[in-house]
Amino acid sequence: MHNKSYENKSSITPSIENLSRAIFTVNRHAKTAPDPKYLYSLKRKALEKLISEGKAVKKGLHFSRNPKKSRQQSDVLVLAGEYYFHIPAHKDDFHSLPHLGVLNDHYRNPKTNMSLSTAKKLLQTYTNFYPTNDTYGKKGTFQPKHQKPIFKRLGESYR
């Protein structure tokens, strides 16, 4: 049931099941992407919209596995459909949500066979959040921000 293939469908309905599978797919690819910033932003925006619509629920706080600057940090555990996700916590989350302690390593989200392009299209349509032109090119491929080095002869100035 969870291993549905979405490759042949041109448009997928934005049901809670399909949206949670799309978020799972985007999150899985973001972990290994060369520039995951947009994918994580898309995930966060989709989860925030689901929460605001009452389709997802904040369950509590977990200690972050990879805290910034080696300081202890907590993330919000969100339940969307049958999938659990983590998003950065806001100040009011610390007052309104219970702290669940350390992340449980024994639980795994169900697997799904949704392609990244299908997941991105579904979440972009749902959130109306698209990549900006300064980071992504016309076809949505990553364009590096750095400039190639200019080599000068020995003794020449770089100015």
C-alpha atoms as a PDB file:
ATOM      1  CA  MET A   1       0.000   0.000   0.000  1.00  0.00           C
ATOM      2  CA  HIS A   2       2.819   2.444   0.816  1.00  0.00           C
ATOM      3  CA  ASN A   3       4.926   1.594  -2.231  1.00  0.00           C
ATOM      4  CA  LYS A   4       2.635   3.286  -4.732  1.00  0.00           C
ATOM      5  CA  SER A   5       4.322   4.524  -7.883  1.00  0.00           C
ATOM      6  CA  TYR A   6       3.459   8.073  -8.928  1.00  0.00           C
ATOM      7  CA  GLU A   7       5.561   8.323 -12.079  1.00  0.00           C
ATOM      8  CA  ASN A   8       2.737   7.957 -14.647  1.00  0.00           C
ATOM      9  CA  LYS A   9       0.282  10.391 -13.087  1.00  0.00           C
ATOM     10  CA  SER A  10       0.453  13.889 -14.533  1.00  0.00           C
ATOM     11  CA  SER A  11      -1.230  15.555 -11.549  1.00  0.00           C
ATOM     12  CA  ILE A  12      -1.639  14.165  -8.081  1.00  0.00           C
ATOM     13  CA  THR A  13      -4.425  15.336  -5.806  1.00  0.00           C
ATOM     14  CA  PRO A  14      -3.127  17.278  -2.785  1.00  0.00           C
ATOM     15  CA  SER A  15      -4.568  14.876  -0.190  1.00  0.00           C
ATOM     16  CA  ILE A  16      -2.914  14.606   3.222  1.00  0.00           C
ATOM     17  CA  GLU A  17      -1.481  11.197   2.221  1.00  0.00           C
ATOM     18  CA  ASN A  18       0.067  12.510  -1.007  1.00  0.00           C
ATOM     19  CA  LEU A  19       1.348  15.699   0.623  1.00  0.00           C
ATOM     20  CA  SER A  20       2.981  13.784   3.492  1.00  0.00           C
ATOM     21  CA  ARG A  21       4.599  11.372   1.009  1.00  0.00           C
ATOM     22  CA  ALA A  22       5.849  14.329  -1.027  1.00  0.00           C
ATOM     23  CA  ILE A  23       7.321  15.977   2.094  1.00  0.00           C
ATOM     24  CA  PHE A  24       8.992  12.669   2.994  1.00  0.00           C
ATOM     25  CA  THR A  25      10.510  12.434  -0.508  1.00  0.00           C
ATOM     26  CA  VAL A  26      11.754  16.034  -0.479  1.00  0.00           C
ATOM     27  CA  ASN A  27      13.198  15.593   3.024  1.00  0.00           C
ATOM     28  CA  ARG A  28      14.991  12.369   2.031  1.00  0.00           C
ATOM     29  CA  HIS A  29      16.584  14.023  -1.015  1.00  0.00           C
ATOM     30  CA  ALA A  30      17.498  17.190   0.887  1.00  0.00           C
ATOM     31  CA  LYS A  31      19.716  15.196   3.238  1.00  0.00           C
ATOM     32  CA  THR A  32      22.083  14.330   0.355  1.00  0.00           C
ATOM     33  CA  ALA A  33      21.574  17.348  -1.945  1.00  0.00           C
ATOM     34  CA  PRO A  34      24.550  19.618  -2.753  1.00  0.00           C
ATOM     35  CA  ASP A  35      22.420  22.693  -1.891  1.00  0.00           C
ATOM     36  CA  PRO A  36      19.477  21.559   0.294  1.00  0.00           C
ATOM     37  CA  LYS A  37      18.330  25.056   1.336  1.00  0.00           C
ATOM     38  CA  TYR A  38      15.378  25.268  -1.083  1.00  0.00           C
ATOM     39  CA  LEU A  39      14.221  21.689  -0.381  1.00  0.00           C
ATOM     40  CA  TYR A  40      14.212  22.260   3.387  1.00  0.00           C
ATOM     41  CA  SER A  41      12.354  25.566   2.892  1.00  0.00           C
ATOM     42  CA  LEU A  42       9.752  23.809   0.745  1.00  0.00           C
ATOM     43  CA  LYS A  43       9.328  21.114   3.422  1.00  0.00           C
ATOM     44  CA  ARG A  44       8.957  23.712   6.186  1.00  0.00           C
ATOM     45  CA  LYS A  45       6.428  25.810   4.241  1.00  0.00           C
ATOM     46  CA  ALA A  46       4.329  22.735   3.387  1.00  0.00           C
ATOM     47  CA  LEU A  47       4.301  21.539   7.009  1.00  0.00           C
ATOM     48  CA  GLU A  48       3.439  25.011   8.317  1.00  0.00           C
ATOM     49  CA  LYS A  49       0.526  25.236   5.879  1.00  0.00           C
ATOM     50  CA  LEU A  50      -0.720  21.756   6.869  1.00  0.00           C
ATOM     51  CA  ILE A  51      -0.527  22.758  10.551  1.00  0.00           C
ATOM     52  CA  SER A  52      -2.413  26.027   9.929  1.00  0.00           C
ATOM     53  CA  GLU A  53      -5.151  24.080   8.077  1.00  0.00           C
ATOM     54  CA  GLY A  54      -5.420  21.527  10.892  1.00  0.00           C
ATOM     55  CA  LYS A  55      -4.209  18.647   8.679  1.00  0.00           C
ATOM     56  CA  ALA A  56      -0.972  18.151  10.645  1.00  0.00           C
ATOM     57  CA  VAL A  57      -0.349  18.258  14.394  1.00  0.00           C
ATOM     58  CA  LYS A  58       2.630  19.397  16.456  1.00  0.00           C
ATOM     59  CA  LYS A  59       3.273  16.517  18.883  1.00  0.00           C
ATOM     60  CA  GLY A  60       6.141  17.824  20.991  1.00  0.00           C
ATOM     61  CA  LEU A  61       9.819  18.752  21.103  1.00  0.00           C
ATOM     62  CA  HIS A  62      12.860  16.519  20.536  1.00  0.00           C
ATOM     63  CA  PHE A  63      16.497  17.290  21.170  1.00  0.00           C
ATOM     64  CA  SER A  64      18.122  18.000  17.807  1.00  0.00           C
ATOM     65  CA  ARG A  65      20.532  15.377  16.540  1.00  0.00           C
ATOM     66  CA  ASN A  66      22.711  17.993  14.798  1.00  0.00           C
ATOM     67  CA  PRO A  67      22.583  21.157  16.899  1.00  0.00           C
ATOM     68  CA  LYS A  68      23.992  24.401  15.471  1.00  0.00           C
ATOM     69  CA  LYS A  69      27.276  25.624  16.934  1.00  0.00           C
ATOM     70  CA  SER A  70      27.411  22.580  19.254  1.00  0.00           C
ATOM     71  CA  ARG A  71      24.706  24.033  21.492  1.00  0.00           C
ATOM     72  CA  GLN A  72      21.732  22.013  22.695  1.00  0.00           C
ATOM     73  CA  GLN A  73      18.745  22.657  20.445  1.00  0.00           C
ATOM     74  CA  SER A  74      15.212  21.286  20.112  1.00  0.00           C
ATOM     75  CA  ASP A  75      13.077  20.591  17.045  1.00  0.00           C
ATOM     76  CA  VAL A  76       9.292  20.276  16.794  1.00  0.00           C
ATOM     77  CA  LEU A  77       7.942  16.794  16.004  1.00  0.00           C
ATOM     78  CA  VAL A  78       5.054  17.086  13.509  1.00  0.00           C
ATOM     79  CA  LEU A  79       2.613  14.309  12.544  1.00  0.00           C
ATOM     80  CA  ALA A  80       1.232  14.606   8.992  1.00  0.00           C
ATOM     81  CA  GLY A  81      -0.796  11.622   7.807  1.00  0.00           C
ATOM     82  CA  GLU A  82       1.209   8.589   8.895  1.00  0.00           C
ATOM     83  CA  TYR A  83       4.572  10.379   8.668  1.00  0.00           C
ATOM     84  CA  TYR A  84       6.572  12.172  11.361  1.00  0.00           C
ATOM     85  CA  PHE A  85       8.814  15.158  10.545  1.00  0.00           C
ATOM     86  CA  HIS A  86      10.991  17.631  12.421  1.00  0.00           C
ATOM     87  CA  ILE A  87      10.991  21.386  11.880  1.00  0.00           C
ATOM     88  CA  PRO A  88      12.870  24.126  13.770  1.00  0.00           C
ATOM     89  CA  ALA A  89      11.134  25.248  16.955  1.00  0.00           C
ATOM     90  CA  HIS A  90       9.783  28.748  17.578  1.00  0.00           C
ATOM     91  CA  LYS A  91       9.862  30.449  20.981  1.00  0.00           C
ATOM     92  CA  ASP A  92       6.158  29.819  21.644  1.00  0.00           C
ATOM     93  CA  ASP A  93       6.615  26.075  20.958  1.00  0.00           C
ATOM     94  CA  PHE A  94       8.724  25.757  24.120  1.00  0.00           C
ATOM     95  CA  HIS A  95       5.800  27.032  26.209  1.00  0.00           C
ATOM     96  CA  SER A  96       2.976  25.160  24.494  1.00  0.00           C
ATOM     97  CA  LEU A  97       4.480  21.746  23.634  1.00  0.00           C
ATOM     98  CA  PRO A  98       5.762  18.954  25.888  1.00  0.00           C
ATOM     99  CA  HIS A  99       9.428  18.007  25.632  1.00  0.00           C
ATOM    100  CA  LEU A 100       9.749  14.376  24.529  1.00  0.00           C
ATOM    101  CA  GLY A 101      13.488  14.115  25.212  1.00  0.00           C
ATOM    102  CA  VAL A 102      15.824  12.174  22.916  1.00  0.00           C
ATOM    103  CA  LEU A 103      14.725  11.052  19.451  1.00  0.00           C
ATOM    104  CA  ASN A 104      13.540   7.417  19.221  1.00  0.00           C
ATOM    105  CA  ASP A 105      15.820   5.570  16.765  1.00  0.00           C
ATOM    106  CA  HIS A 106      13.487   2.571  16.481  1.00  0.00           C
ATOM    107  CA  TYR A 107      10.668   4.332  14.610  1.00  0.00           C
ATOM    108  CA  ARG A 108      10.901   4.701  10.820  1.00  0.00           C
ATOM    109  CA  ASN A 109       8.467   6.466   8.470  1.00  0.00           C
ATOM    110  CA  PRO A 110       6.786   4.254   5.847  1.00  0.00           C
ATOM    111  CA  LYS A 111       8.634   4.044   2.527  1.00  0.00           C
ATOM    112  CA  THR A 112       7.216   5.547  -0.655  1.00  0.00           C
ATOM    113  CA  ASN A 113       8.142   5.544  -4.350  1.00  0.00           C
ATOM    114  CA  MET A 114       7.499   9.153  -5.341  1.00  0.00           C
ATOM    115  CA  SER A 115      10.066  10.873  -7.540  1.00  0.00           C
ATOM    116  CA  LEU A 116      11.643  14.117  -6.385  1.00  0.00           C
ATOM    117  CA  SER A 117      10.274  16.037  -9.379  1.00  0.00           C
ATOM    118  CA  THR A 118       6.714  14.829  -8.680  1.00  0.00           C
ATOM    119  CA  ALA A 119       7.050  15.659  -4.980  1.00  0.00           C
ATOM    120  CA  LYS A 120       8.438  19.132  -5.711  1.00  0.00           C
ATOM    121  CA  LYS A 121       5.660  19.907  -8.217  1.00  0.00           C
ATOM    122  CA  LEU A 122       2.977  18.845  -5.746  1.00  0.00           C
ATOM    123  CA  LEU A 123       4.444  20.855  -2.855  1.00  0.00           C
ATOM    124  CA  GLN A 124       5.170  23.907  -5.022  1.00  0.00           C
ATOM    125  CA  THR A 125       1.558  23.935  -6.227  1.00  0.00           C
ATOM    126  CA  TYR A 126       0.249  23.427  -2.687  1.00  0.00           C
ATOM    127  CA  THR A 127       2.431  26.111  -1.045  1.00  0.00           C
ATOM    128  CA  ASN A 128       2.804  28.441  -4.050  1.00  0.00           C
ATOM    129  CA  PHE A 129       6.530  28.552  -3.161  1.00  0.00           C
ATOM    130  CA  TYR A 130       8.919  28.356  -6.104  1.00  0.00           C
ATOM    131  CA  PRO A 131      12.719  28.684  -6.383  1.00  0.00           C
ATOM    132  CA  THR A 132      14.059  32.143  -7.112  1.00  0.00           C
ATOM    133  CA  ASN A 133      15.971  32.819 -10.324  1.00  0.00           C
ATOM    134  CA  ASP A 134      19.188  33.814  -8.547  1.00  0.00           C
ATOM    135  CA  THR A 135      19.750  30.278  -7.227  1.00  0.00           C
ATOM    136  CA  TYR A 136      18.048  28.104  -9.818  1.00  0.00           C
ATOM    137  CA  GLY A 137      18.166  28.370 -13.602  1.00  0.00           C
ATOM    138  CA  LYS A 138      15.306  28.209 -16.095  1.00  0.00           C
ATOM    139  CA  LYS A 139      14.965  24.431 -15.871  1.00  0.00           C
ATOM    140  CA  GLY A 140      15.241  24.304 -12.083  1.00  0.00           C
ATOM    141  CA  THR A 141      18.810  23.013 -12.084  1.00  0.00           C
ATOM    142  CA  PHE A 142      21.218  24.318  -9.499  1.00  0.00           C
ATOM    143  CA  GLN A 143      23.427  27.187 -10.641  1.00  0.00           C
ATOM    144  CA  PRO A 144      26.563  27.625  -8.513  1.00  0.00           C
ATOM    145  CA  LYS A 145      26.973  31.044  -6.895  1.00  0.00           C
ATOM    146  CA  HIS A 146      30.763  31.060  -6.908  1.00  0.00           C
ATOM    147  CA  GLN A 147      32.942  32.492  -9.667  1.00  0.00           C
ATOM    148  CA  LYS A 148      35.761  30.535 -11.300  1.00  0.00           C
ATOM    149  CA  PRO A 149      39.213  31.588 -10.096  1.00  0.00           C
ATOM    150  CA  ILE A 150      41.301  33.883 -12.291  1.00  0.00           C
ATOM    151  CA  PHE A 151      44.910  32.815 -12.512  1.00  0.00           C
ATOM    152  CA  LYS A 152      47.599  35.481 -12.919  1.00  0.00           C
ATOM    153  CA  ARG A 153      51.240  35.051 -13.791  1.00  0.00           C
ATOM    154  CA  LEU A 154      53.727  35.036 -10.972  1.00  0.00           C
ATOM    155  CA  GLY A 155      54.266  38.555  -9.725  1.00  0.00           C
ATOM    156  CA  GLU A 156      51.123  40.072 -11.334  1.00  0.00           C
ATOM    157  CA  SER A 157      48.607  41.839  -9.133  1.00  0.00           C
ATOM    158  CA  TYR A 158      45.070  40.471  -8.606  1.00  0.00           C
ATOM    159  CA  ARG A 159      43.561  43.982  -8.549  1.00  0.00           C
END
